[in-house]
Amino acid sequence: MTWVASKFSREKLKEKFYRHPFATIIFFLLYLTDLPYRLSEFDLGGGIWKITNAFEIIIYYAFLSFLWWLLVCWISEKIWKKQRFEWIWYKKTIDKAFSILPPVYKFVLGLIVAIFIFLVLFAIISLVFHYSGTDIKNLFNY
């Protein structure tokens, strides 16, 4: 997603949001209404795996929705050359989203990296060094 989003500068992406209010609103509503169905469709497991799997599904469908939104924007730019609607409340919402999303994006990316590092370390400890859950429990009990 970083690679796709980095193809556009921040101002160019903001301009796309300004130019396509209907597509943005429709895809945002479709994402919000489809997400509970997508989460219930998968077996999420239990415990921390449930949270991790749900987080992965949320990010995955956000990325797919973003790609579909870009496709719709590209098609509509080919059909309509001029922007016809301009709403003040929509511009203010986009401006607020662009001020909030960069820190949220950094947090989500950091969380993904942290989970990946945790899983790699867990795999190294359990597969390479042959530690099991009972070995770790015994270490913490003493």
N, C-alpha and C. Protein backbone atom coordinates (compact mmCIF):
# COMPACT_ATOMS: atom_id res chain seq x y z
N MET A 1 0.83 -1.19 0.00
CA MET A 1 0.00 0.00 0.00
C MET A 1 0.87 1.24 0.00
N THR A 2 2.00 1.17 0.72
CA THR A 2 2.90 2.31 0.75
C THR A 2 3.40 2.63 -0.64
N TRP A 3 3.72 1.60 -1.41
CA TRP A 3 4.22 1.80 -2.76
C TRP A 3 3.15 2.44 -3.63
N VAL A 4 1.90 1.98 -3.53
CA VAL A 4 0.81 2.53 -4.34
C VAL A 4 0.53 3.97 -3.94
N ALA A 5 0.47 4.21 -2.64
CA ALA A 5 0.16 5.56 -2.17
C ALA A 5 1.32 6.52 -2.43
N SER A 6 2.55 6.03 -2.47
CA SER A 6 3.69 6.91 -2.67
C SER A 6 3.82 7.35 -4.12
N LYS A 7 3.08 6.73 -5.03
CA LYS A 7 3.08 7.18 -6.41
C LYS A 7 2.44 8.56 -6.54
N PHE A 8 1.64 8.93 -5.58
CA PHE A 8 0.99 10.23 -5.57
C PHE A 8 1.57 11.05 -4.43
N SER A 9 1.82 12.31 -4.70
CA SER A 9 2.23 13.19 -3.60
C SER A 9 1.03 13.44 -2.71
N ARG A 10 1.29 14.00 -1.56
CA ARG A 10 0.20 14.26 -0.62
C ARG A 10 -0.83 15.21 -1.24
N GLU A 11 -0.33 16.24 -1.92
CA GLU A 11 -1.23 17.21 -2.53
C GLU A 11 -2.02 16.60 -3.69
N LYS A 12 -1.38 15.74 -4.48
CA LYS A 12 -2.06 15.10 -5.61
C LYS A 12 -3.17 14.16 -5.10
N LEU A 13 -2.88 13.42 -4.03
CA LEU A 13 -3.88 12.53 -3.46
C LEU A 13 -5.04 13.32 -2.85
N LYS A 14 -4.71 14.43 -2.19
CA LYS A 14 -5.75 15.28 -1.62
C LYS A 14 -6.61 15.86 -2.74
N GLU A 15 -6.00 16.22 -3.85
CA GLU A 15 -6.74 16.73 -4.99
C GLU A 15 -7.68 15.68 -5.56
N LYS A 16 -7.24 14.42 -5.58
CA LYS A 16 -8.11 13.33 -6.04
C LYS A 16 -9.33 13.20 -5.12
N PHE A 17 -9.11 13.31 -3.82
CA PHE A 17 -10.23 13.24 -2.88
C PHE A 17 -11.18 14.41 -3.09
N TYR A 18 -10.63 15.62 -3.31
CA TYR A 18 -11.48 16.78 -3.56
C TYR A 18 -12.29 16.61 -4.85
N ARG A 19 -11.67 16.04 -5.87
CA ARG A 19 -12.30 15.95 -7.18
C ARG A 19 -13.37 14.87 -7.25
N HIS A 20 -13.29 13.85 -6.39
CA HIS A 20 -14.22 12.71 -6.47
C HIS A 20 -14.96 12.50 -5.15
N PRO A 21 -15.83 13.42 -4.77
CA PRO A 21 -16.53 13.25 -3.49
C PRO A 21 -17.51 12.08 -3.48
N PHE A 22 -18.20 11.86 -4.59
CA PHE A 22 -19.17 10.76 -4.61
C PHE A 22 -18.49 9.41 -4.48
N ALA A 23 -17.42 9.22 -5.23
CA ALA A 23 -16.69 7.94 -5.15
C ALA A 23 -16.13 7.71 -3.76
N THR A 24 -15.61 8.77 -3.16
CA THR A 24 -15.04 8.65 -1.82
C THR A 24 -16.10 8.27 -0.80
N ILE A 25 -17.21 8.96 -0.83
CA ILE A 25 -18.28 8.68 0.14
C ILE A 25 -18.85 7.28 -0.08
N ILE A 26 -19.09 6.90 -1.33
CA ILE A 26 -19.66 5.59 -1.62
C ILE A 26 -18.71 4.47 -1.21
N PHE A 27 -17.42 4.60 -1.54
CA PHE A 27 -16.48 3.54 -1.19
C PHE A 27 -16.25 3.47 0.32
N PHE A 28 -16.29 4.60 1.01
CA PHE A 28 -16.15 4.58 2.46
C PHE A 28 -17.34 3.88 3.10
N LEU A 29 -18.55 4.18 2.63
CA LEU A 29 -19.74 3.52 3.17
C LEU A 29 -19.76 2.03 2.84
N LEU A 30 -19.35 1.68 1.61
CA LEU A 30 -19.28 0.26 1.25
C LEU A 30 -18.27 -0.49 2.12
N TYR A 31 -17.15 0.15 2.40
CA TYR A 31 -16.13 -0.47 3.24
C TYR A 31 -16.68 -0.71 4.65
N LEU A 32 -17.33 0.31 5.21
CA LEU A 32 -17.87 0.18 6.57
C LEU A 32 -18.98 -0.85 6.67
N THR A 33 -19.83 -0.95 5.64
CA THR A 33 -20.93 -1.91 5.70
C THR A 33 -20.46 -3.32 5.37
N ASP A 34 -19.42 -3.46 4.57
CA ASP A 34 -18.94 -4.78 4.17
C ASP A 34 -17.98 -5.39 5.18
N LEU A 35 -17.34 -4.56 5.98
CA LEU A 35 -16.33 -5.06 6.93
C LEU A 35 -16.87 -6.06 7.95
N PRO A 36 -18.03 -5.83 8.58
CA PRO A 36 -18.53 -6.86 9.51
C PRO A 36 -18.79 -8.20 8.84
N TYR A 37 -19.29 -8.17 7.61
CA TYR A 37 -19.50 -9.41 6.87
C TYR A 37 -18.18 -10.11 6.60
N ARG A 38 -17.16 -9.36 6.21
CA ARG A 38 -15.84 -9.94 5.93
C ARG A 38 -15.22 -10.52 7.19
N LEU A 39 -15.39 -9.86 8.31
CA LEU A 39 -14.83 -10.37 9.57
C LEU A 39 -15.55 -11.64 10.02
N SER A 40 -16.86 -11.71 9.80
CA SER A 40 -17.60 -12.90 10.22
C SER A 40 -17.36 -14.07 9.27
N GLU A 41 -16.90 -13.78 8.06
CA GLU A 41 -16.67 -14.82 7.06
C GLU A 41 -15.47 -15.70 7.40
N PHE A 42 -14.48 -15.14 8.07
CA PHE A 42 -13.25 -15.86 8.36
C PHE A 42 -13.27 -16.42 9.77
N ASP A 43 -12.60 -17.56 9.95
CA ASP A 43 -12.39 -18.11 11.29
C ASP A 43 -11.18 -17.40 11.86
N LEU A 44 -11.42 -16.56 12.84
CA LEU A 44 -10.35 -15.70 13.36
C LEU A 44 -9.49 -16.38 14.41
N GLY A 45 -9.86 -17.55 14.88
CA GLY A 45 -9.08 -18.22 15.90
C GLY A 45 -9.50 -17.73 17.28
N GLY A 46 -8.55 -17.73 18.20
CA GLY A 46 -8.86 -17.30 19.55
C GLY A 46 -7.71 -16.52 20.15
N GLY A 47 -8.00 -15.79 21.20
CA GLY A 47 -6.97 -15.05 21.92
C GLY A 47 -6.35 -13.94 21.09
N ILE A 48 -5.03 -13.83 21.19
CA ILE A 48 -4.32 -12.76 20.47
C ILE A 48 -4.37 -12.99 18.97
N TRP A 49 -4.53 -14.24 18.54
CA TRP A 49 -4.61 -14.52 17.10
C TRP A 49 -5.88 -13.93 16.51
N LYS A 50 -6.94 -13.87 17.30
CA LYS A 50 -8.19 -13.29 16.81
C LYS A 50 -8.00 -11.81 16.50
N ILE A 51 -7.33 -11.11 17.40
CA ILE A 51 -7.07 -9.69 17.19
C ILE A 51 -6.15 -9.49 15.99
N THR A 52 -5.11 -10.30 15.89
CA THR A 52 -4.16 -10.19 14.79
C THR A 52 -4.83 -10.48 13.46
N ASN A 53 -5.62 -11.53 13.39
CA ASN A 53 -6.31 -11.87 12.14
C ASN A 53 -7.34 -10.82 11.75
N ALA A 54 -8.07 -10.30 12.73
CA ALA A 54 -9.04 -9.25 12.44
C ALA A 54 -8.33 -7.99 11.94
N PHE A 55 -7.22 -7.65 12.55
CA PHE A 55 -6.43 -6.49 12.12
C PHE A 55 -5.93 -6.68 10.69
N GLU A 56 -5.48 -7.88 10.37
CA GLU A 56 -4.99 -8.17 9.02
C GLU A 56 -6.12 -8.06 7.99
N ILE A 57 -7.30 -8.54 8.32
CA ILE A 57 -8.44 -8.46 7.41
C ILE A 57 -8.87 -7.00 7.20
N ILE A 58 -8.88 -6.22 8.27
CA ILE A 58 -9.25 -4.81 8.16
C ILE A 58 -8.29 -4.07 7.24
N ILE A 59 -6.99 -4.29 7.41
CA ILE A 59 -5.99 -3.63 6.57
C ILE A 59 -6.09 -4.11 5.13
N TYR A 60 -6.28 -5.40 4.94
CA TYR A 60 -6.37 -5.97 3.59
C TYR A 60 -7.55 -5.38 2.82
N TYR A 61 -8.72 -5.32 3.42
CA TYR A 61 -9.88 -4.78 2.73
C TYR A 61 -9.81 -3.26 2.58
N ALA A 62 -9.12 -2.58 3.47
CA ALA A 62 -8.90 -1.14 3.28
C ALA A 62 -8.03 -0.91 2.05
N PHE A 63 -7.00 -1.74 1.87
CA PHE A 63 -6.14 -1.62 0.72
C PHE A 63 -6.90 -1.92 -0.57
N LEU A 64 -7.71 -2.99 -0.57
CA LEU A 64 -8.50 -3.30 -1.76
C LEU A 64 -9.50 -2.20 -2.09
N SER A 65 -10.13 -1.64 -1.08
CA SER A 65 -11.06 -0.53 -1.30
C SER A 65 -10.34 0.68 -1.87
N PHE A 66 -9.13 0.93 -1.39
CA PHE A 66 -8.33 2.05 -1.90
C PHE A 66 -7.99 1.83 -3.38
N LEU A 67 -7.63 0.61 -3.75
CA LEU A 67 -7.33 0.33 -5.15
C LEU A 67 -8.56 0.49 -6.04
N TRP A 68 -9.71 0.00 -5.58
CA TRP A 68 -10.94 0.18 -6.35
C TRP A 68 -11.30 1.65 -6.47
N TRP A 69 -11.10 2.40 -5.40
CA TRP A 69 -11.37 3.83 -5.43
C TRP A 69 -10.47 4.52 -6.45
N LEU A 70 -9.18 4.15 -6.49
CA LEU A 70 -8.27 4.73 -7.49
C LEU A 70 -8.73 4.40 -8.91
N LEU A 71 -9.20 3.18 -9.13
CA LEU A 71 -9.68 2.80 -10.45
C LEU A 71 -10.91 3.62 -10.85
N VAL A 72 -11.85 3.78 -9.94
CA VAL A 72 -13.04 4.58 -10.23
C VAL A 72 -12.66 6.03 -10.48
N CYS A 73 -11.71 6.56 -9.72
CA CYS A 73 -11.26 7.93 -9.94
C CYS A 73 -10.62 8.08 -11.32
N TRP A 74 -9.82 7.12 -11.71
CA TRP A 74 -9.17 7.18 -13.01
C TRP A 74 -10.20 7.13 -14.14
N ILE A 75 -11.19 6.25 -14.02
CA ILE A 75 -12.23 6.15 -15.05
C ILE A 75 -13.06 7.43 -15.11
N SER A 76 -13.42 7.97 -13.96
CA SER A 76 -14.25 9.18 -13.96
C SER A 76 -13.47 10.39 -14.47
N GLU A 77 -12.15 10.42 -14.28
CA GLU A 77 -11.36 11.51 -14.85
C GLU A 77 -11.33 11.44 -16.37
N LYS A 78 -11.41 10.23 -16.91
CA LYS A 78 -11.45 10.07 -18.36
C LYS A 78 -12.81 10.49 -18.93
N ILE A 79 -13.87 10.31 -18.15
CA ILE A 79 -15.22 10.63 -18.64
C ILE A 79 -15.54 12.11 -18.42
N TRP A 80 -15.36 12.57 -17.18
CA TRP A 80 -15.68 13.96 -16.85
C TRP A 80 -14.38 14.73 -16.65
N LYS A 81 -14.21 15.76 -17.42
CA LYS A 81 -12.97 16.54 -17.37
C LYS A 81 -13.00 17.62 -16.30
N LYS A 82 -14.19 18.09 -15.92
CA LYS A 82 -14.29 19.16 -14.93
C LYS A 82 -14.96 18.64 -13.66
N GLN A 83 -14.55 19.24 -12.55
CA GLN A 83 -15.19 18.92 -11.27
C GLN A 83 -16.49 19.70 -11.18
N ARG A 84 -17.56 19.03 -10.84
CA ARG A 84 -18.86 19.70 -10.83
C ARG A 84 -19.37 20.04 -9.44
N PHE A 85 -18.95 19.29 -8.44
CA PHE A 85 -19.45 19.50 -7.09
C PHE A 85 -18.32 19.94 -6.18
N GLU A 86 -18.59 20.90 -5.35
CA GLU A 86 -17.61 21.32 -4.36
C GLU A 86 -18.35 21.66 -3.08
N TRP A 87 -18.11 20.86 -2.07
CA TRP A 87 -18.78 21.03 -0.79
C TRP A 87 -17.76 21.45 0.25
N ILE A 88 -18.11 22.44 1.03
CA ILE A 88 -17.20 22.95 2.08
C ILE A 88 -17.03 21.90 3.17
N TRP A 89 -18.13 21.27 3.60
CA TRP A 89 -18.03 20.28 4.67
C TRP A 89 -17.18 19.09 4.24
N TYR A 90 -17.25 18.73 2.96
CA TYR A 90 -16.44 17.62 2.45
C TYR A 90 -14.96 18.00 2.44
N LYS A 91 -14.65 19.21 2.02
CA LYS A 91 -13.25 19.66 2.01
C LYS A 91 -12.68 19.69 3.43
N LYS A 92 -13.47 20.16 4.38
CA LYS A 92 -13.01 20.21 5.76
C LYS A 92 -12.77 18.80 6.30
N THR A 93 -13.65 17.87 5.94
CA THR A 93 -13.48 16.48 6.38
C THR A 93 -12.21 15.87 5.80
N ILE A 94 -11.94 16.11 4.53
CA ILE A 94 -10.73 15.59 3.89
C ILE A 94 -9.49 16.21 4.51
N ASP A 95 -9.54 17.51 4.80
CA ASP A 95 -8.39 18.16 5.44
C ASP A 95 -8.12 17.58 6.82
N LYS A 96 -9.18 17.31 7.59
CA LYS A 96 -9.00 16.70 8.91
C LYS A 96 -8.46 15.28 8.78
N ALA A 97 -8.97 14.53 7.80
CA ALA A 97 -8.50 13.16 7.59
C ALA A 97 -7.02 13.15 7.22
N PHE A 98 -6.60 14.09 6.39
CA PHE A 98 -5.20 14.15 5.99
C PHE A 98 -4.29 14.62 7.12
N SER A 99 -4.84 15.28 8.13
CA SER A 99 -4.03 15.64 9.28
C SER A 99 -3.98 14.51 10.31
N ILE A 100 -4.99 13.65 10.33
CA ILE A 100 -5.05 12.55 11.29
C ILE A 100 -4.39 11.28 10.75
N LEU A 101 -4.55 11.00 9.45
CA LEU A 101 -4.11 9.73 8.89
C LEU A 101 -2.59 9.49 8.92
N PRO A 102 -1.72 10.47 8.71
CA PRO A 102 -0.28 10.15 8.77
C PRO A 102 0.18 9.57 10.11
N PRO A 103 -0.22 10.13 11.27
CA PRO A 103 0.18 9.47 12.52
C PRO A 103 -0.46 8.09 12.70
N VAL A 104 -1.72 7.95 12.27
CA VAL A 104 -2.38 6.64 12.36
C VAL A 104 -1.67 5.64 11.47
N TYR A 105 -1.27 6.07 10.27
CA TYR A 105 -0.57 5.19 9.35
C TYR A 105 0.77 4.75 9.94
N LYS A 106 1.49 5.68 10.56
CA LYS A 106 2.77 5.31 11.18
C LYS A 106 2.56 4.32 12.32
N PHE A 107 1.51 4.52 13.11
CA PHE A 107 1.20 3.59 14.20
C PHE A 107 0.87 2.21 13.66
N VAL A 108 0.02 2.15 12.63
CA VAL A 108 -0.39 0.85 12.06
C VAL A 108 0.82 0.15 11.45
N LEU A 109 1.64 0.89 10.71
CA LEU A 109 2.83 0.28 10.12
C LEU A 109 3.79 -0.21 11.21
N GLY A 110 3.97 0.56 12.27
CA GLY A 110 4.80 0.12 13.39
C GLY A 110 4.23 -1.11 14.07
N LEU A 111 2.92 -1.17 14.21
CA LEU A 111 2.27 -2.33 14.82
C LEU A 111 2.45 -3.57 13.96
N ILE A 112 2.32 -3.42 12.64
CA ILE A 112 2.53 -4.56 11.74
C ILE A 112 3.96 -5.07 11.85
N VAL A 113 4.92 -4.16 11.87
CA VAL A 113 6.33 -4.56 11.99
C VAL A 113 6.58 -5.24 13.33
N ALA A 114 6.00 -4.70 14.41
CA ALA A 114 6.19 -5.29 15.74
C ALA A 114 5.60 -6.70 15.81
N ILE A 115 4.42 -6.89 15.23
CA ILE A 115 3.80 -8.23 15.21
C ILE A 115 4.65 -9.19 14.39
N PHE A 116 5.16 -8.73 13.26
CA PHE A 116 6.01 -9.57 12.43
C PHE A 116 7.29 -9.97 13.17
N ILE A 117 7.92 -9.02 13.85
CA ILE A 117 9.13 -9.33 14.62
C ILE A 117 8.82 -10.31 15.74
N PHE A 118 7.69 -10.12 16.42
CA PHE A 118 7.28 -11.04 17.48
C PHE A 118 7.10 -12.46 16.94
N LEU A 119 6.43 -12.57 15.80
CA LEU A 119 6.21 -13.90 15.22
C LEU A 119 7.52 -14.55 14.77
N VAL A 120 8.44 -13.76 14.23
CA VAL A 120 9.74 -14.30 13.82
C VAL A 120 10.52 -14.76 15.05
N LEU A 121 10.54 -13.96 16.09
CA LEU A 121 11.23 -14.37 17.32
C LEU A 121 10.60 -15.61 17.93
N PHE A 122 9.30 -15.68 17.94
CA PHE A 122 8.61 -16.85 18.47
C PHE A 122 8.96 -18.09 17.65
N ALA A 123 9.00 -17.94 16.32
CA ALA A 123 9.37 -19.07 15.46
C ALA A 123 10.81 -19.50 15.71
N ILE A 124 11.71 -18.55 15.89
CA ILE A 124 13.11 -18.89 16.16
C ILE A 124 13.23 -19.62 17.49
N ILE A 125 12.57 -19.11 18.51
CA ILE A 125 12.66 -19.73 19.84
C ILE A 125 12.06 -21.14 19.82
N SER A 126 10.92 -21.30 19.16
CA SER A 126 10.26 -22.61 19.21
C SER A 126 10.83 -23.60 18.20
N LEU A 127 11.20 -23.17 17.02
CA LEU A 127 11.67 -24.11 16.00
C LEU A 127 13.17 -24.36 16.05
N VAL A 128 13.95 -23.31 16.22
CA VAL A 128 15.40 -23.48 16.19
C VAL A 128 15.92 -24.00 17.52
N PHE A 129 15.47 -23.39 18.61
CA PHE A 129 15.97 -23.78 19.93
C PHE A 129 15.10 -24.84 20.60
N HIS A 130 14.03 -25.24 19.98
CA HIS A 130 13.13 -26.32 20.44
C HIS A 130 12.53 -26.04 21.83
N TYR A 131 12.24 -24.79 22.10
CA TYR A 131 11.53 -24.46 23.33
C TYR A 131 10.04 -24.66 23.10
N SER A 132 9.37 -25.13 24.12
CA SER A 132 7.92 -25.27 24.05
C SER A 132 7.29 -24.37 25.09
N GLY A 133 5.99 -24.37 25.11
CA GLY A 133 5.29 -23.55 26.09
C GLY A 133 5.57 -23.98 27.52
N THR A 134 5.73 -25.27 27.74
CA THR A 134 6.02 -25.75 29.12
C THR A 134 7.42 -25.34 29.55
N ASP A 135 8.38 -25.30 28.60
CA ASP A 135 9.72 -24.84 28.95
C ASP A 135 9.73 -23.38 29.36
N ILE A 136 8.99 -22.58 28.63
CA ILE A 136 8.91 -21.16 28.98
C ILE A 136 8.16 -20.96 30.30
N LYS A 137 7.12 -21.76 30.52
CA LYS A 137 6.38 -21.67 31.78
C LYS A 137 7.29 -22.06 32.96
N ASN A 138 8.09 -23.09 32.78
CA ASN A 138 9.04 -23.50 33.83
C ASN A 138 10.08 -22.42 34.08
N LEU A 139 10.52 -21.75 33.06
CA LEU A 139 11.51 -20.68 33.25
C LEU A 139 10.93 -19.54 34.08
N PHE A 140 9.68 -19.19 33.86
CA PHE A 140 9.08 -18.08 34.59
C PHE A 140 8.61 -18.49 35.99
N ASN A 141 8.43 -19.75 36.26
CA ASN A 141 8.00 -20.19 37.57
C ASN A 141 9.14 -20.19 38.61
N TYR A 142 10.37 -20.31 38.16
CA TYR A 142 11.49 -20.38 39.10
C TYR A 142 12.00 -19.03 39.49
